[in-house]
Amino acid sequence: MQNRKLGKSDLEVSAIGLGCMGMTFAFPPFPDKKEMISLLRTAVERGVTFFDTAEVYGPFSNEELVGEALAPLRGQVIIATKFGFKPPPGSAAGSRWSELDSRPEHIKKVVEVLLKD
C-alpha cells in the first residue's frame, strides 16, 4: 500500500482510506456490527491506515463503532472525523443536519464525546 503525507506535517496515511458512513448511516439496513468490526480490522491488515467518519453519522454511533474496532490498533491508524454541525430540532431520525455550529462550546462538547474511552 502506498502512503501519502498530509500537508506539511509528518502525518502519513495510506493512499487508500476507508469511508465509514454506510456502516451506521444513510444506507439502511445497516450491516451487522461484528461484521463491520471485522471489516475495519481486515482493512488495517491489508494496509489501510486512514478512516473517515463524522459526527452526523449517528450522531456519534459511527465514531463509537470505528473506535471500538480500531482501539486495539491505536497508534497504527488515523481517524478523521468531521464535526461542527447543528443537530436538527429534536434530532429526529431522518432530519437533515444542514446548519453549522462551530462555536467553541459546541466543539468542546463534541470532542469530549469523541475522546471518551
N, C-alpha and C. Protein backbone atom coordinates (compact mmCIF):
# COMPACT_ATOMS: atom_id res chain seq x y z
N MET A 1 0.85 -1.18 0.00
CA MET A 1 0.00 0.00 0.00
C MET A 1 0.89 1.24 0.00
N GLN A 2 0.61 2.15 -0.88
CA GLN A 2 1.35 3.42 -0.89
C GLN A 2 0.83 4.31 0.22
N ASN A 3 1.69 5.21 0.67
CA ASN A 3 1.32 6.18 1.70
C ASN A 3 1.41 7.58 1.15
N ARG A 4 0.74 8.49 1.84
CA ARG A 4 0.75 9.92 1.49
C ARG A 4 0.98 10.72 2.76
N LYS A 5 1.76 11.79 2.63
CA LYS A 5 1.91 12.74 3.73
C LYS A 5 0.78 13.75 3.65
N LEU A 6 0.23 14.10 4.80
CA LEU A 6 -0.84 15.08 4.84
C LEU A 6 -0.24 16.46 5.07
N GLY A 7 -0.43 17.34 4.11
CA GLY A 7 0.06 18.71 4.25
C GLY A 7 1.56 18.76 4.45
N LYS A 8 1.97 19.69 5.30
CA LYS A 8 3.39 19.87 5.58
C LYS A 8 3.80 19.18 6.87
N SER A 9 2.92 18.34 7.39
CA SER A 9 3.20 17.64 8.64
C SER A 9 3.95 16.34 8.36
N ASP A 10 4.28 15.65 9.43
CA ASP A 10 4.88 14.33 9.30
C ASP A 10 3.82 13.22 9.35
N LEU A 11 2.56 13.63 9.37
CA LEU A 11 1.47 12.66 9.43
C LEU A 11 1.35 11.96 8.08
N GLU A 12 1.43 10.63 8.12
CA GLU A 12 1.39 9.84 6.91
C GLU A 12 0.26 8.82 7.02
N VAL A 13 -0.50 8.69 5.93
CA VAL A 13 -1.63 7.76 5.90
C VAL A 13 -1.57 6.93 4.62
N SER A 14 -2.34 5.88 4.59
CA SER A 14 -2.42 5.06 3.38
C SER A 14 -3.06 5.88 2.26
N ALA A 15 -2.62 5.62 1.04
CA ALA A 15 -3.17 6.33 -0.12
C ALA A 15 -4.65 6.02 -0.31
N ILE A 16 -5.05 4.84 0.11
CA ILE A 16 -6.45 4.46 0.07
C ILE A 16 -6.98 4.48 1.49
N GLY A 17 -8.04 5.24 1.71
CA GLY A 17 -8.67 5.29 3.02
C GLY A 17 -10.01 4.57 2.96
N LEU A 18 -10.63 4.46 4.11
CA LEU A 18 -11.93 3.80 4.18
C LEU A 18 -12.95 4.76 4.78
N GLY A 19 -13.94 5.12 3.99
CA GLY A 19 -15.06 5.92 4.48
C GLY A 19 -16.05 5.02 5.18
N CYS A 20 -16.44 5.40 6.39
CA CYS A 20 -17.24 4.50 7.23
C CYS A 20 -18.71 4.88 7.33
N MET A 21 -19.15 5.88 6.59
CA MET A 21 -20.52 6.38 6.70
C MET A 21 -21.58 5.28 6.61
N GLY A 22 -21.50 4.45 5.60
CA GLY A 22 -22.52 3.45 5.36
C GLY A 22 -22.62 2.37 6.41
N MET A 23 -21.70 2.35 7.35
CA MET A 23 -21.73 1.33 8.39
C MET A 23 -22.82 1.59 9.42
N THR A 24 -23.22 2.87 9.58
CA THR A 24 -24.23 3.22 10.59
C THR A 24 -25.20 4.28 10.11
N PHE A 25 -25.06 4.78 8.88
CA PHE A 25 -25.82 5.94 8.46
C PHE A 25 -26.06 5.91 6.95
N ALA A 26 -27.18 6.41 6.53
CA ALA A 26 -27.50 6.75 5.15
C ALA A 26 -28.02 5.60 4.29
N PHE A 27 -27.56 4.39 4.49
CA PHE A 27 -27.95 3.30 3.59
C PHE A 27 -28.49 2.09 4.35
N PRO A 28 -29.68 2.22 5.00
CA PRO A 28 -30.21 1.07 5.71
C PRO A 28 -30.62 -0.03 4.73
N PRO A 29 -30.68 -1.27 5.16
CA PRO A 29 -30.38 -1.73 6.51
C PRO A 29 -28.88 -1.73 6.75
N PHE A 30 -28.50 -1.40 7.98
CA PHE A 30 -27.08 -1.29 8.29
C PHE A 30 -26.48 -2.66 8.55
N PRO A 31 -25.23 -2.82 8.15
CA PRO A 31 -24.56 -4.11 8.34
C PRO A 31 -24.43 -4.46 9.82
N ASP A 32 -24.22 -5.72 10.08
CA ASP A 32 -24.01 -6.23 11.42
C ASP A 32 -22.75 -5.61 12.03
N LYS A 33 -22.85 -5.19 13.28
CA LYS A 33 -21.73 -4.53 13.96
C LYS A 33 -20.48 -5.42 13.98
N LYS A 34 -20.63 -6.69 14.29
CA LYS A 34 -19.47 -7.60 14.34
C LYS A 34 -18.80 -7.70 12.96
N GLU A 35 -19.62 -7.72 11.91
CA GLU A 35 -19.07 -7.78 10.56
C GLU A 35 -18.29 -6.50 10.23
N MET A 36 -18.79 -5.37 10.67
CA MET A 36 -18.10 -4.09 10.41
C MET A 36 -16.80 -3.99 11.20
N ILE A 37 -16.80 -4.49 12.42
CA ILE A 37 -15.56 -4.51 13.20
C ILE A 37 -14.53 -5.39 12.49
N SER A 38 -14.96 -6.53 12.02
CA SER A 38 -14.06 -7.42 11.27
C SER A 38 -13.55 -6.74 10.00
N LEU A 39 -14.44 -6.07 9.27
CA LEU A 39 -14.05 -5.38 8.05
C LEU A 39 -13.00 -4.30 8.34
N LEU A 40 -13.23 -3.50 9.38
CA LEU A 40 -12.27 -2.43 9.73
C LEU A 40 -10.90 -3.01 10.09
N ARG A 41 -10.89 -4.07 10.87
CA ARG A 41 -9.61 -4.68 11.26
C ARG A 41 -8.92 -5.36 10.07
N THR A 42 -9.70 -5.95 9.18
CA THR A 42 -9.13 -6.55 7.97
C THR A 42 -8.53 -5.47 7.08
N ALA A 43 -9.18 -4.32 7.01
CA ALA A 43 -8.63 -3.21 6.21
C ALA A 43 -7.25 -2.83 6.73
N VAL A 44 -7.09 -2.78 8.04
CA VAL A 44 -5.77 -2.45 8.61
C VAL A 44 -4.76 -3.53 8.26
N GLU A 45 -5.16 -4.79 8.36
CA GLU A 45 -4.27 -5.90 7.99
C GLU A 45 -3.79 -5.77 6.55
N ARG A 46 -4.62 -5.17 5.70
CA ARG A 46 -4.29 -5.02 4.27
C ARG A 46 -3.61 -3.69 3.96
N GLY A 47 -3.30 -2.92 4.99
CA GLY A 47 -2.52 -1.71 4.79
C GLY A 47 -3.26 -0.39 4.88
N VAL A 48 -4.58 -0.42 5.08
CA VAL A 48 -5.33 0.83 5.21
C VAL A 48 -5.07 1.40 6.60
N THR A 49 -4.69 2.68 6.64
CA THR A 49 -4.44 3.32 7.93
C THR A 49 -5.27 4.58 8.12
N PHE A 50 -6.09 4.95 7.13
CA PHE A 50 -6.85 6.20 7.18
C PHE A 50 -8.34 5.89 7.12
N PHE A 51 -9.08 6.32 8.15
CA PHE A 51 -10.50 6.04 8.27
C PHE A 51 -11.25 7.35 8.46
N ASP A 52 -12.39 7.48 7.76
CA ASP A 52 -13.16 8.71 7.79
C ASP A 52 -14.54 8.47 8.39
N THR A 53 -14.93 9.37 9.31
CA THR A 53 -16.22 9.29 9.95
C THR A 53 -16.73 10.72 10.16
N ALA A 54 -17.90 10.87 10.81
CA ALA A 54 -18.44 12.20 11.08
C ALA A 54 -19.45 12.16 12.22
N GLU A 55 -19.54 13.28 12.89
CA GLU A 55 -20.50 13.46 13.98
C GLU A 55 -21.92 13.10 13.54
N VAL A 56 -22.28 13.47 12.33
CA VAL A 56 -23.66 13.29 11.87
C VAL A 56 -24.02 11.85 11.53
N TYR A 57 -23.06 10.96 11.46
CA TYR A 57 -23.36 9.58 11.13
C TYR A 57 -23.85 8.85 12.37
N GLY A 58 -24.88 9.31 12.96
CA GLY A 58 -25.41 8.69 14.16
C GLY A 58 -26.45 9.55 14.86
N PRO A 59 -26.13 10.55 15.57
CA PRO A 59 -24.81 11.12 15.83
C PRO A 59 -23.96 10.23 16.74
N PHE A 60 -22.72 10.23 16.45
CA PHE A 60 -21.64 9.59 17.21
C PHE A 60 -21.60 8.07 17.13
N SER A 61 -22.63 7.40 16.64
CA SER A 61 -22.58 5.94 16.61
C SER A 61 -21.51 5.43 15.66
N ASN A 62 -21.21 6.18 14.60
CA ASN A 62 -20.17 5.76 13.67
C ASN A 62 -18.80 5.84 14.34
N GLU A 63 -18.55 6.95 15.06
CA GLU A 63 -17.28 7.08 15.77
C GLU A 63 -17.13 6.00 16.83
N GLU A 64 -18.24 5.65 17.50
CA GLU A 64 -18.18 4.59 18.50
C GLU A 64 -17.82 3.26 17.87
N LEU A 65 -18.42 2.96 16.74
CA LEU A 65 -18.10 1.71 16.03
C LEU A 65 -16.64 1.69 15.59
N VAL A 66 -16.21 2.75 14.93
CA VAL A 66 -14.83 2.83 14.45
C VAL A 66 -13.86 2.78 15.62
N GLY A 67 -14.17 3.50 16.69
CA GLY A 67 -13.31 3.49 17.87
C GLY A 67 -13.19 2.12 18.50
N GLU A 68 -14.31 1.42 18.63
CA GLU A 68 -14.29 0.07 19.21
C GLU A 68 -13.47 -0.88 18.33
N ALA A 69 -13.68 -0.79 17.04
CA ALA A 69 -12.99 -1.70 16.12
C ALA A 69 -11.49 -1.45 16.10
N LEU A 70 -11.10 -0.18 16.14
CA LEU A 70 -9.68 0.15 15.97
C LEU A 70 -8.93 0.38 17.27
N ALA A 71 -9.60 0.30 18.41
CA ALA A 71 -8.93 0.51 19.70
C ALA A 71 -7.70 -0.37 19.88
N PRO A 72 -7.76 -1.66 19.52
CA PRO A 72 -6.56 -2.49 19.69
C PRO A 72 -5.42 -2.10 18.75
N LEU A 73 -5.72 -1.25 17.77
CA LEU A 73 -4.72 -0.87 16.76
C LEU A 73 -4.29 0.58 16.92
N ARG A 74 -4.61 1.16 18.07
CA ARG A 74 -4.27 2.56 18.33
C ARG A 74 -2.77 2.75 18.08
N GLY A 75 -2.44 3.83 17.46
CA GLY A 75 -1.05 4.09 17.11
C GLY A 75 -0.69 3.63 15.70
N GLN A 76 -1.53 2.77 15.12
CA GLN A 76 -1.29 2.29 13.77
C GLN A 76 -2.20 2.95 12.74
N VAL A 77 -3.24 3.66 13.22
CA VAL A 77 -4.26 4.20 12.32
C VAL A 77 -4.50 5.68 12.59
N ILE A 78 -5.08 6.34 11.61
CA ILE A 78 -5.51 7.74 11.72
C ILE A 78 -7.00 7.76 11.44
N ILE A 79 -7.75 8.39 12.35
CA ILE A 79 -9.19 8.53 12.17
C ILE A 79 -9.51 10.00 11.99
N ALA A 80 -10.11 10.32 10.86
CA ALA A 80 -10.55 11.69 10.60
C ALA A 80 -12.04 11.75 10.87
N THR A 81 -12.47 12.78 11.59
CA THR A 81 -13.90 12.96 11.83
C THR A 81 -14.29 14.39 11.54
N LYS A 82 -15.47 14.52 10.98
CA LYS A 82 -15.97 15.85 10.65
C LYS A 82 -17.01 16.23 11.69
N PHE A 83 -16.95 17.48 12.16
CA PHE A 83 -17.93 17.95 13.12
C PHE A 83 -18.12 19.44 12.93
N GLY A 84 -19.00 20.03 13.74
CA GLY A 84 -19.30 21.44 13.61
C GLY A 84 -20.67 21.67 13.02
N PHE A 85 -21.52 20.66 13.13
CA PHE A 85 -22.87 20.75 12.61
C PHE A 85 -23.86 20.99 13.74
N LYS A 86 -24.97 21.58 13.41
CA LYS A 86 -26.03 21.80 14.39
C LYS A 86 -27.08 20.72 14.21
N PRO A 87 -27.34 19.94 15.27
CA PRO A 87 -28.36 18.89 15.14
C PRO A 87 -29.71 19.50 14.81
N PRO A 88 -30.53 18.79 14.05
CA PRO A 88 -31.88 19.29 13.75
C PRO A 88 -32.70 19.36 15.03
N PRO A 89 -33.74 20.18 15.06
CA PRO A 89 -34.59 20.28 16.26
C PRO A 89 -35.09 18.91 16.68
N GLY A 90 -34.85 18.56 17.93
CA GLY A 90 -35.30 17.26 18.44
C GLY A 90 -34.49 16.10 17.91
N SER A 91 -33.52 16.36 17.03
CA SER A 91 -32.68 15.31 16.42
C SER A 91 -33.52 14.14 15.91
N ALA A 92 -34.60 14.48 15.24
CA ALA A 92 -35.49 13.44 14.71
C ALA A 92 -34.79 12.62 13.66
N ALA A 93 -35.04 11.33 13.68
CA ALA A 93 -34.43 10.43 12.70
C ALA A 93 -34.82 10.89 11.30
N GLY A 94 -33.88 10.90 10.42
CA GLY A 94 -34.13 11.29 9.04
C GLY A 94 -34.03 12.78 8.80
N SER A 95 -33.91 13.56 9.86
CA SER A 95 -33.77 15.01 9.69
C SER A 95 -32.39 15.35 9.17
N ARG A 96 -32.31 16.45 8.44
CA ARG A 96 -31.04 16.86 7.85
C ARG A 96 -30.26 17.75 8.80
N TRP A 97 -28.98 17.53 8.87
CA TRP A 97 -28.06 18.37 9.64
C TRP A 97 -27.56 19.43 8.67
N SER A 98 -28.35 20.44 8.41
CA SER A 98 -28.00 21.39 7.37
C SER A 98 -27.42 22.71 7.89
N GLU A 99 -27.44 22.91 9.20
CA GLU A 99 -26.88 24.13 9.77
C GLU A 99 -25.53 23.83 10.42
N LEU A 100 -24.72 24.86 10.53
CA LEU A 100 -23.40 24.70 11.13
C LEU A 100 -23.40 25.24 12.55
N ASP A 101 -22.55 24.67 13.38
CA ASP A 101 -22.36 25.16 14.74
C ASP A 101 -20.90 24.92 15.13
N SER A 102 -20.08 25.91 14.90
CA SER A 102 -18.66 25.79 15.22
C SER A 102 -18.29 26.66 16.41
N ARG A 103 -19.28 26.93 17.26
CA ARG A 103 -18.99 27.69 18.48
C ARG A 103 -18.06 26.85 19.36
N PRO A 104 -17.15 27.50 20.08
CA PRO A 104 -16.22 26.75 20.94
C PRO A 104 -16.90 25.79 21.90
N GLU A 105 -18.03 26.17 22.49
CA GLU A 105 -18.70 25.29 23.44
C GLU A 105 -19.25 24.03 22.75
N HIS A 106 -19.71 24.18 21.50
CA HIS A 106 -20.20 23.01 20.77
C HIS A 106 -19.03 22.09 20.40
N ILE A 107 -17.95 22.67 19.92
CA ILE A 107 -16.78 21.88 19.56
C ILE A 107 -16.26 21.12 20.78
N LYS A 108 -16.22 21.78 21.93
CA LYS A 108 -15.75 21.13 23.16
C LYS A 108 -16.65 19.94 23.50
N LYS A 109 -17.96 20.12 23.39
CA LYS A 109 -18.91 19.05 23.70
C LYS A 109 -18.69 17.85 22.77
N VAL A 110 -18.54 18.12 21.49
CA VAL A 110 -18.34 17.05 20.50
C VAL A 110 -17.03 16.32 20.76
N VAL A 111 -15.97 17.05 20.99
CA VAL A 111 -14.66 16.42 21.22
C VAL A 111 -14.69 15.58 22.48
N GLU A 112 -15.39 16.03 23.53
CA GLU A 112 -15.49 15.22 24.75
C GLU A 112 -16.16 13.88 24.46
N VAL A 113 -17.21 13.89 23.64
CA VAL A 113 -17.89 12.65 23.28
C VAL A 113 -16.96 11.77 22.45
N LEU A 114 -16.25 12.36 21.51
CA LEU A 114 -15.39 11.58 20.61
C LEU A 114 -14.21 10.95 21.33
N LEU A 115 -13.70 11.61 22.36
CA LEU A 115 -12.49 11.12 23.02
C LEU A 115 -12.75 10.26 24.25
N LYS A 116 -14.01 10.04 24.58
CA LYS A 116 -14.28 9.23 25.77
C LYS A 116 -13.80 7.81 25.53
N ASP A 117 -13.33 7.20 26.59
CA ASP A 117 -12.84 5.80 26.48
C ASP A 117 -13.95 4.82 26.66
